[in-house]
Amino acid sequence: MISVKQVSMVLAAAGRSVTILDHITFVIPAKQTVAVVGPSGSGKSTLLGLMAGLDRPTAGSIELDGTDITTLSESRMARFRREKVGYIFQSFHLIPTLTALENVAVPLELSGERHAGERAAELLAAVGLSDRMGHYPVQLSGGEQQRVAVARAFACGPPILLADEPTGNLDSATGAHVIELLLSLHRDHGTTLVLVTHDSNLAASMQRVVSMRDGRLESDSVLSFSHCTVEPGP
């Protein structure tokens, strides 16, 4: 479960305070799929980063799986994130000097997995990249890099998976494939999936849509309890 309580984020800019998030409160039950939508600058990605423990809110608290992450030290937060949270960046954030296999193996090695290479190979095969394991990021297409990022985020089997614009840098057909992959991981492993998106088709495939504007929650709608198939665009 994810619990966000009265979370605000205020930053200093040009000698004045800028409110990025303004008293956000909501609860996401375990295993739910949620799209966070809204115009650029509404605070979506900031909120997702706070939920991942990548930054700390100015005020309020965030609980993941029963732990208040806003009280954790940086070292404890890093350990907690390895165990509980998978994060997919819009720009992939793969390590350029490592192969696809090595990129996926990194979190496994950090968690002490004895057979990190074998497990990484299984994950890459699951996302359809068994023939690209030895390739470096620069040798992979955008869709292939995103699939490596998905495999890496899911490497340690986290109960929570967060994705920032997972289809933002992809064509519609490749994006649809990546989303089907995320939904299939959710179905197979019961992962709580929260993603930020501008894609209305993608948002409609989630069970719930949270809409933001100007750092505040504008609406919160439960769409369904079963997933739709994401169709490629024209």
C-alpha atoms as a PDB file:
ATOM      1  CA  MET A   1       0.000   0.000   0.000  1.00  0.00           C
ATOM      2  CA  ILE A   2       1.074   3.587  -0.680  1.00  0.00           C
ATOM      3  CA  SER A   3      -0.159   6.342   1.623  1.00  0.00           C
ATOM      4  CA  VAL A   4       0.517   9.993   0.810  1.00  0.00           C
ATOM      5  CA  LYS A   5      -0.579  12.377   3.576  1.00  0.00           C
ATOM      6  CA  GLN A   6      -0.620  16.177   3.263  1.00  0.00           C
ATOM      7  CA  VAL A   7       2.531  16.189   1.124  1.00  0.00           C
ATOM      8  CA  SER A   8       3.848  19.566   0.013  1.00  0.00           C
ATOM      9  CA  MET A   9       6.992  20.471  -1.910  1.00  0.00           C
ATOM     10  CA  VAL A  10       8.216  24.069  -1.877  1.00  0.00           C
ATOM     11  CA  LEU A  11      11.404  25.141  -3.647  1.00  0.00           C
ATOM     12  CA  ALA A  12      13.330  28.406  -3.597  1.00  0.00           C
ATOM     13  CA  ALA A  13      13.751  30.029  -7.001  1.00  0.00           C
ATOM     14  CA  ALA A  14      15.007  33.528  -7.849  1.00  0.00           C
ATOM     15  CA  GLY A  15      14.652  34.651  -4.263  1.00  0.00           C
ATOM     16  CA  ARG A  16      11.082  33.462  -3.818  1.00  0.00           C
ATOM     17  CA  SER A  17       9.274  30.271  -2.839  1.00  0.00           C
ATOM     18  CA  VAL A  18       7.615  28.162  -5.529  1.00  0.00           C
ATOM     19  CA  THR A  19       5.010  25.576  -4.486  1.00  0.00           C
ATOM     20  CA  ILE A  20       5.383  22.431  -6.596  1.00  0.00           C
ATOM     21  CA  LEU A  21       3.002  20.248  -4.562  1.00  0.00           C
ATOM     22  CA  ASP A  22       0.300  21.596  -2.281  1.00  0.00           C
ATOM     23  CA  HIS A  23      -1.053  19.289   0.472  1.00  0.00           C
ATOM     24  CA  ILE A  24      -1.489  16.112  -1.591  1.00  0.00           C
ATOM     25  CA  THR A  25      -3.324  13.233   0.131  1.00  0.00           C
ATOM     26  CA  PHE A  26      -4.383   9.844  -1.275  1.00  0.00           C
ATOM     27  CA  VAL A  27      -4.028   6.111  -0.636  1.00  0.00           C
ATOM     28  CA  ILE A  28      -3.199   3.433  -3.217  1.00  0.00           C
ATOM     29  CA  PRO A  29      -4.136  -0.112  -2.152  1.00  0.00           C
ATOM     30  CA  ALA A  30      -1.723  -2.961  -2.813  1.00  0.00           C
ATOM     31  CA  LYS A  31      -1.842  -4.405  -6.351  1.00  0.00           C
ATOM     32  CA  GLN A  32      -3.736  -1.451  -7.839  1.00  0.00           C
ATOM     33  CA  THR A  33      -2.665   0.134 -11.144  1.00  0.00           C
ATOM     34  CA  VAL A  34      -2.774   3.943 -11.174  1.00  0.00           C
ATOM     35  CA  ALA A  35      -2.099   6.603 -13.804  1.00  0.00           C
ATOM     36  CA  VAL A  36      -1.118  10.086 -12.628  1.00  0.00           C
ATOM     37  CA  VAL A  37      -2.077  12.604 -15.318  1.00  0.00           C
ATOM     38  CA  GLY A  38      -2.131  16.371 -15.774  1.00  0.00           C
ATOM     39  CA  PRO A  39      -0.499  19.150 -17.800  1.00  0.00           C
ATOM     40  CA  SER A  40       3.250  19.749 -17.774  1.00  0.00           C
ATOM     41  CA  GLY A  41       4.301  21.510 -14.582  1.00  0.00           C
ATOM     42  CA  SER A  42       1.439  20.091 -12.521  1.00  0.00           C
ATOM     43  CA  GLY A  43       3.830  18.237 -10.193  1.00  0.00           C
ATOM     44  CA  LYS A  44       3.343  14.673 -11.466  1.00  0.00           C
ATOM     45  CA  SER A  45       6.996  13.670 -11.780  1.00  0.00           C
ATOM     46  CA  THR A  46       7.915  15.439  -8.535  1.00  0.00           C
ATOM     47  CA  LEU A  47       5.249  13.434  -6.718  1.00  0.00           C
ATOM     48  CA  LEU A  48       6.456  10.171  -8.262  1.00  0.00           C
ATOM     49  CA  GLY A  49      10.054  10.926  -7.260  1.00  0.00           C
ATOM     50  CA  LEU A  50       8.960  11.606  -3.679  1.00  0.00           C
ATOM     51  CA  MET A  51       7.048   8.304  -3.626  1.00  0.00           C
ATOM     52  CA  ALA A  52      10.271   6.576  -4.676  1.00  0.00           C
ATOM     53  CA  GLY A  53      12.270   8.305  -1.958  1.00  0.00           C
ATOM     54  CA  LEU A  54      14.449  10.099  -4.515  1.00  0.00           C
ATOM     55  CA  ASP A  55      13.752  13.351  -2.681  1.00  0.00           C
ATOM     56  CA  ARG A  56      12.061  14.469   0.536  1.00  0.00           C
ATOM     57  CA  PRO A  57       8.887  16.547   0.759  1.00  0.00           C
ATOM     58  CA  THR A  58       8.898  19.910   2.485  1.00  0.00           C
ATOM     59  CA  ALA A  59       5.950  18.729   4.603  1.00  0.00           C
ATOM     60  CA  GLY A  60       3.774  15.653   5.026  1.00  0.00           C
ATOM     61  CA  SER A  61       4.537  11.925   5.035  1.00  0.00           C
ATOM     62  CA  ILE A  62       4.692   9.054   2.568  1.00  0.00           C
ATOM     63  CA  GLU A  63       4.304   5.423   3.633  1.00  0.00           C
ATOM     64  CA  LEU A  64       5.267   2.516   1.401  1.00  0.00           C
ATOM     65  CA  ASP A  65       4.328  -0.959   2.510  1.00  0.00           C
ATOM     66  CA  GLY A  66       3.841   0.319   6.080  1.00  0.00           C
ATOM     67  CA  THR A  67       7.127   2.247   6.325  1.00  0.00           C
ATOM     68  CA  ASP A  68       7.261   6.042   6.555  1.00  0.00           C
ATOM     69  CA  ILE A  69      10.036   6.707   4.040  1.00  0.00           C
ATOM     70  CA  THR A  70      10.239  10.397   4.919  1.00  0.00           C
ATOM     71  CA  THR A  71      11.911   9.449   8.215  1.00  0.00           C
ATOM     72  CA  LEU A  72      14.575   7.150   6.746  1.00  0.00           C
ATOM     73  CA  SER A  73      18.249   8.088   6.450  1.00  0.00           C
ATOM     74  CA  GLU A  74      19.724   8.092   2.946  1.00  0.00           C
ATOM     75  CA  SER A  75      21.433   4.733   3.457  1.00  0.00           C
ATOM     76  CA  ARG A  76      18.283   3.099   4.862  1.00  0.00           C
ATOM     77  CA  MET A  77      16.221   4.622   2.071  1.00  0.00           C
ATOM     78  CA  ALA A  78      18.582   3.218  -0.553  1.00  0.00           C
ATOM     79  CA  ARG A  79      18.315  -0.237   1.002  1.00  0.00           C
ATOM     80  CA  PHE A  80      14.529   0.030   1.320  1.00  0.00           C
ATOM     81  CA  ARG A  81      14.211   1.145  -2.306  1.00  0.00           C
ATOM     82  CA  ARG A  82      16.262  -1.827  -3.517  1.00  0.00           C
ATOM     83  CA  GLU A  83      13.910  -4.194  -1.705  1.00  0.00           C
ATOM     84  CA  LYS A  84      10.545  -2.525  -2.223  1.00  0.00           C
ATOM     85  CA  VAL A  85      10.553  -0.139  -5.195  1.00  0.00           C
ATOM     86  CA  GLY A  86      11.294  -0.466  -8.881  1.00  0.00           C
ATOM     87  CA  TYR A  87      11.643   2.864 -10.733  1.00  0.00           C
ATOM     88  CA  ILE A  88      11.553   3.376 -14.492  1.00  0.00           C
ATOM     89  CA  PHE A  89      12.914   6.704 -15.708  1.00  0.00           C
ATOM     90  CA  GLN A  90      11.580   8.407 -18.828  1.00  0.00           C
ATOM     91  CA  SER A  91      15.111   8.705 -20.238  1.00  0.00           C
ATOM     92  CA  PHE A  92      15.960   5.079 -19.302  1.00  0.00           C
ATOM     93  CA  HIS A  93      19.066   5.970 -17.196  1.00  0.00           C
ATOM     94  CA  LEU A  94      20.948   2.867 -18.309  1.00  0.00           C
ATOM     95  CA  ILE A  95      24.666   2.784 -17.510  1.00  0.00           C
ATOM     96  CA  PRO A  96      26.308   3.366 -20.942  1.00  0.00           C
ATOM     97  CA  THR A  97      29.472   1.384 -20.189  1.00  0.00           C
ATOM     98  CA  LEU A  98      27.541  -1.757 -19.214  1.00  0.00           C
ATOM     99  CA  THR A  99      25.771  -4.246 -21.474  1.00  0.00           C
ATOM    100  CA  ALA A 100      22.047  -4.879 -21.207  1.00  0.00           C
ATOM    101  CA  LEU A 101      22.779  -7.975 -19.111  1.00  0.00           C
ATOM    102  CA  GLU A 102      25.119  -6.071 -16.802  1.00  0.00           C
ATOM    103  CA  ASN A 103      22.637  -3.204 -16.378  1.00  0.00           C
ATOM    104  CA  VAL A 104      19.939  -5.598 -15.197  1.00  0.00           C
ATOM    105  CA  ALA A 105      22.391  -7.476 -12.983  1.00  0.00           C
ATOM    106  CA  VAL A 106      23.440  -4.344 -11.036  1.00  0.00           C
ATOM    107  CA  PRO A 107      20.506  -4.239  -8.556  1.00  0.00           C
ATOM    108  CA  LEU A 108      20.714  -8.001  -8.128  1.00  0.00           C
ATOM    109  CA  GLU A 109      24.401  -7.803  -7.248  1.00  0.00           C
ATOM    110  CA  LEU A 110      23.748  -4.941  -4.819  1.00  0.00           C
ATOM    111  CA  SER A 111      21.098  -7.037  -3.076  1.00  0.00           C
ATOM    112  CA  GLY A 112      23.513  -9.959  -2.710  1.00  0.00           C
ATOM    113  CA  GLU A 113      21.997 -12.252  -5.346  1.00  0.00           C
ATOM    114  CA  ARG A 114      24.504 -15.072  -5.907  1.00  0.00           C
ATOM    115  CA  HIS A 115      23.297 -15.854  -9.416  1.00  0.00           C
ATOM    116  CA  ALA A 116      22.788 -12.274 -10.606  1.00  0.00           C
ATOM    117  CA  GLY A 117      23.874 -12.987 -14.186  1.00  0.00           C
ATOM    118  CA  GLU A 118      21.529 -15.937 -14.587  1.00  0.00           C
ATOM    119  CA  ARG A 119      18.583 -14.035 -13.111  1.00  0.00           C
ATOM    120  CA  ALA A 120      19.329 -11.010 -15.309  1.00  0.00           C
ATOM    121  CA  ALA A 121      19.359 -13.260 -18.382  1.00  0.00           C
ATOM    122  CA  GLU A 122      15.953 -14.697 -17.388  1.00  0.00           C
ATOM    123  CA  LEU A 123      14.510 -11.195 -17.008  1.00  0.00           C
ATOM    124  CA  LEU A 124      15.840 -10.028 -20.368  1.00  0.00           C
ATOM    125  CA  ALA A 125      14.411 -13.138 -22.012  1.00  0.00           C
ATOM    126  CA  ALA A 126      11.052 -12.351 -20.380  1.00  0.00           C
ATOM    127  CA  VAL A 127      11.019  -8.911 -22.036  1.00  0.00           C
ATOM    128  CA  GLY A 128      12.029 -10.339 -25.416  1.00  0.00           C
ATOM    129  CA  LEU A 129      15.701  -9.379 -25.422  1.00  0.00           C
ATOM    130  CA  SER A 130      17.425 -12.727 -25.180  1.00  0.00           C
ATOM    131  CA  ASP A 131      19.372 -11.908 -28.364  1.00  0.00           C
ATOM    132  CA  ARG A 132      20.463  -8.437 -27.177  1.00  0.00           C
ATOM    133  CA  MET A 133      22.004  -9.216 -23.794  1.00  0.00           C
ATOM    134  CA  GLY A 134      25.577  -8.401 -24.840  1.00  0.00           C
ATOM    135  CA  HIS A 135      24.678  -5.087 -26.487  1.00  0.00           C
ATOM    136  CA  TYR A 136      25.438  -1.694 -24.959  1.00  0.00           C
ATOM    137  CA  PRO A 137      22.684   0.935 -24.615  1.00  0.00           C
ATOM    138  CA  VAL A 138      23.956   2.904 -27.633  1.00  0.00           C
ATOM    139  CA  GLN A 139      23.468  -0.242 -29.732  1.00  0.00           C
ATOM    140  CA  LEU A 140      19.818  -0.612 -28.684  1.00  0.00           C
ATOM    141  CA  SER A 141      16.719   1.127 -29.997  1.00  0.00           C
ATOM    142  CA  GLY A 142      14.624   3.310 -27.685  1.00  0.00           C
ATOM    143  CA  GLY A 143      12.097   0.527 -27.213  1.00  0.00           C
ATOM    144  CA  GLU A 144      14.833  -1.980 -26.420  1.00  0.00           C
ATOM    145  CA  GLN A 145      16.427   0.382 -23.902  1.00  0.00           C
ATOM    146  CA  GLN A 146      13.062   0.866 -22.212  1.00  0.00           C
ATOM    147  CA  ARG A 147      12.575  -2.903 -21.995  1.00  0.00           C
ATOM    148  CA  VAL A 148      16.012  -3.208 -20.368  1.00  0.00           C
ATOM    149  CA  ALA A 149      14.921  -0.489 -17.924  1.00  0.00           C
ATOM    150  CA  VAL A 150      11.726  -2.446 -17.153  1.00  0.00           C
ATOM    151  CA  ALA A 151      13.710  -5.646 -16.554  1.00  0.00           C
ATOM    152  CA  ARG A 152      16.135  -3.773 -14.282  1.00  0.00           C
ATOM    153  CA  ALA A 153      13.322  -2.129 -12.309  1.00  0.00           C
ATOM    154  CA  PHE A 154      11.709  -5.512 -11.769  1.00  0.00           C
ATOM    155  CA  ALA A 155      14.963  -7.378 -11.062  1.00  0.00           C
ATOM    156  CA  CYS A 156      14.491  -7.750  -7.302  1.00  0.00           C
ATOM    157  CA  GLY A 157      10.757  -8.420  -7.559  1.00  0.00           C
ATOM    158  CA  PRO A 158       9.650  -5.202  -5.824  1.00  0.00           C
ATOM    159  CA  PRO A 159       6.044  -4.990  -4.615  1.00  0.00           C
ATOM    160  CA  ILE A 160       5.849  -1.410  -5.951  1.00  0.00           C
ATOM    161  CA  LEU A 161       6.728  -0.337  -9.494  1.00  0.00           C
ATOM    162  CA  LEU A 162       6.845   3.371 -10.399  1.00  0.00           C
ATOM    163  CA  ALA A 163       7.254   4.615 -13.967  1.00  0.00           C
ATOM    164  CA  ASP A 164       7.767   8.190 -15.190  1.00  0.00           C
ATOM    165  CA  GLU A 165       6.384   8.595 -18.731  1.00  0.00           C
ATOM    166  CA  PRO A 166       7.343   5.010 -19.695  1.00  0.00           C
ATOM    167  CA  THR A 167       6.164   5.553 -23.291  1.00  0.00           C
ATOM    168  CA  GLY A 168       7.196   9.211 -23.615  1.00  0.00           C
ATOM    169  CA  ASN A 169      10.232   8.527 -25.844  1.00  0.00           C
ATOM    170  CA  LEU A 170       8.696   5.685 -27.860  1.00  0.00           C
ATOM    171  CA  ASP A 171       6.566   5.383 -30.988  1.00  0.00           C
ATOM    172  CA  SER A 172       2.977   4.283 -30.403  1.00  0.00           C
ATOM    173  CA  ALA A 173       3.465   0.614 -31.350  1.00  0.00           C
ATOM    174  CA  THR A 174       6.591   0.201 -29.210  1.00  0.00           C
ATOM    175  CA  GLY A 175       4.929   2.096 -26.372  1.00  0.00           C
ATOM    176  CA  ALA A 176       1.934  -0.238 -26.475  1.00  0.00           C
ATOM    177  CA  HIS A 177       4.294  -3.217 -26.231  1.00  0.00           C
ATOM    178  CA  VAL A 178       6.065  -1.761 -23.187  1.00  0.00           C
ATOM    179  CA  ILE A 179       2.748  -1.106 -21.435  1.00  0.00           C
ATOM    180  CA  GLU A 180       1.506  -4.634 -22.113  1.00  0.00           C
ATOM    181  CA  LEU A 181       4.780  -5.809 -20.604  1.00  0.00           C
ATOM    182  CA  LEU A 182       4.207  -3.723 -17.447  1.00  0.00           C
ATOM    183  CA  LEU A 183       0.634  -4.953 -17.139  1.00  0.00           C
ATOM    184  CA  SER A 184       1.719  -8.531 -17.588  1.00  0.00           C
ATOM    185  CA  LEU A 185       4.311  -8.142 -14.797  1.00  0.00           C
ATOM    186  CA  HIS A 186       1.552  -6.672 -12.638  1.00  0.00           C
ATOM    187  CA  ARG A 187      -0.795  -9.578 -13.362  1.00  0.00           C
ATOM    188  CA  ASP A 188       1.856 -12.252 -12.831  1.00  0.00           C
ATOM    189  CA  HIS A 189       3.363 -10.818  -9.639  1.00  0.00           C
ATOM    190  CA  GLY A 190       0.654  -8.650  -8.072  1.00  0.00           C
ATOM    191  CA  THR A 191       2.815  -5.551  -8.276  1.00  0.00           C
ATOM    192  CA  THR A 192       1.369  -2.160  -7.368  1.00  0.00           C
ATOM    193  CA  LEU A 193       1.910  -0.085 -10.518  1.00  0.00           C
ATOM    194  CA  VAL A 194       1.897   3.730 -10.526  1.00  0.00           C
ATOM    195  CA  LEU A 195       2.851   5.631 -13.654  1.00  0.00           C
ATOM    196  CA  VAL A 196       2.961   9.241 -14.802  1.00  0.00           C
ATOM    197  CA  THR A 197       1.727   9.774 -18.342  1.00  0.00           C
ATOM    198  CA  HIS A 198       0.366  12.247 -20.885  1.00  0.00           C
ATOM    199  CA  ASP A 199      -1.008   9.330 -22.939  1.00  0.00           C
ATOM    200  CA  SER A 200      -4.805   9.126 -22.531  1.00  0.00           C
ATOM    201  CA  ASN A 201      -4.886   5.634 -24.052  1.00  0.00           C
ATOM    202  CA  LEU A 202      -2.335   4.440 -21.512  1.00  0.00           C
ATOM    203  CA  ALA A 203      -4.172   6.127 -18.634  1.00  0.00           C
ATOM    204  CA  ALA A 204      -7.401   4.381 -19.680  1.00  0.00           C
ATOM    205  CA  SER A 205      -5.686   0.990 -19.319  1.00  0.00           C
ATOM    206  CA  MET A 206      -5.107   1.574 -15.600  1.00  0.00           C
ATOM    207  CA  GLN A 207      -7.628   0.755 -12.879  1.00  0.00           C
ATOM    208  CA  ARG A 208      -7.514   4.297 -11.477  1.00  0.00           C
ATOM    209  CA  VAL A 209      -6.630   7.772 -12.766  1.00  0.00           C
ATOM    210  CA  VAL A 210      -5.423  10.582 -10.483  1.00  0.00           C
ATOM    211  CA  SER A 211      -5.437  13.971 -12.184  1.00  0.00           C
ATOM    212  CA  MET A 212      -3.229  16.873 -11.026  1.00  0.00           C
ATOM    213  CA  ARG A 213      -3.174  20.579 -11.790  1.00  0.00           C
ATOM    214  CA  ASP A 214      -1.009  23.315 -10.294  1.00  0.00           C
ATOM    215  CA  GLY A 215       0.411  20.971  -7.662  1.00  0.00           C
ATOM    216  CA  ARG A 216      -2.975  19.840  -6.381  1.00  0.00           C
ATOM    217  CA  LEU A 217      -5.229  16.839  -6.903  1.00  0.00           C
ATOM    218  CA  GLU A 218      -7.936  17.794  -9.390  1.00  0.00           C
ATOM    219  CA  SER A 219      -9.783  14.466  -9.582  1.00  0.00           C
ATOM    220  CA  ASP A 220      -9.455  10.826  -8.556  1.00  0.00           C
ATOM    221  CA  SER A 221     -11.407   8.213 -10.504  1.00  0.00           C
ATOM    222  CA  VAL A 222     -11.574   4.423 -10.341  1.00  0.00           C
ATOM    223  CA  LEU A 223     -12.082   3.183 -13.897  1.00  0.00           C
ATOM    224  CA  SER A 224     -12.317  -0.570 -13.476  1.00  0.00           C
ATOM    225  CA  PHE A 225     -10.870  -3.605 -11.772  1.00  0.00           C
ATOM    226  CA  SER A 226      -9.732  -5.279 -14.964  1.00  0.00           C
ATOM    227  CA  HIS A 227      -7.228  -4.100 -17.544  1.00  0.00           C
ATOM    228  CA  CYS A 228      -7.880  -3.159 -21.121  1.00  0.00           C
ATOM    229  CA  THR A 229      -5.462  -3.988 -23.908  1.00  0.00           C
ATOM    230  CA  VAL A 230      -3.412  -1.003 -25.030  1.00  0.00           C
ATOM    231  CA  GLU A 231      -3.835  -0.603 -28.771  1.00  0.00           C
ATOM    232  CA  PRO A 232      -1.061   0.964 -30.871  1.00  0.00           C
ATOM    233  CA  GLY A 233      -1.891   4.342 -32.329  1.00  0.00           C
ATOM    234  CA  PRO A 234      -2.227   4.981 -36.070  1.00  0.00           C
END
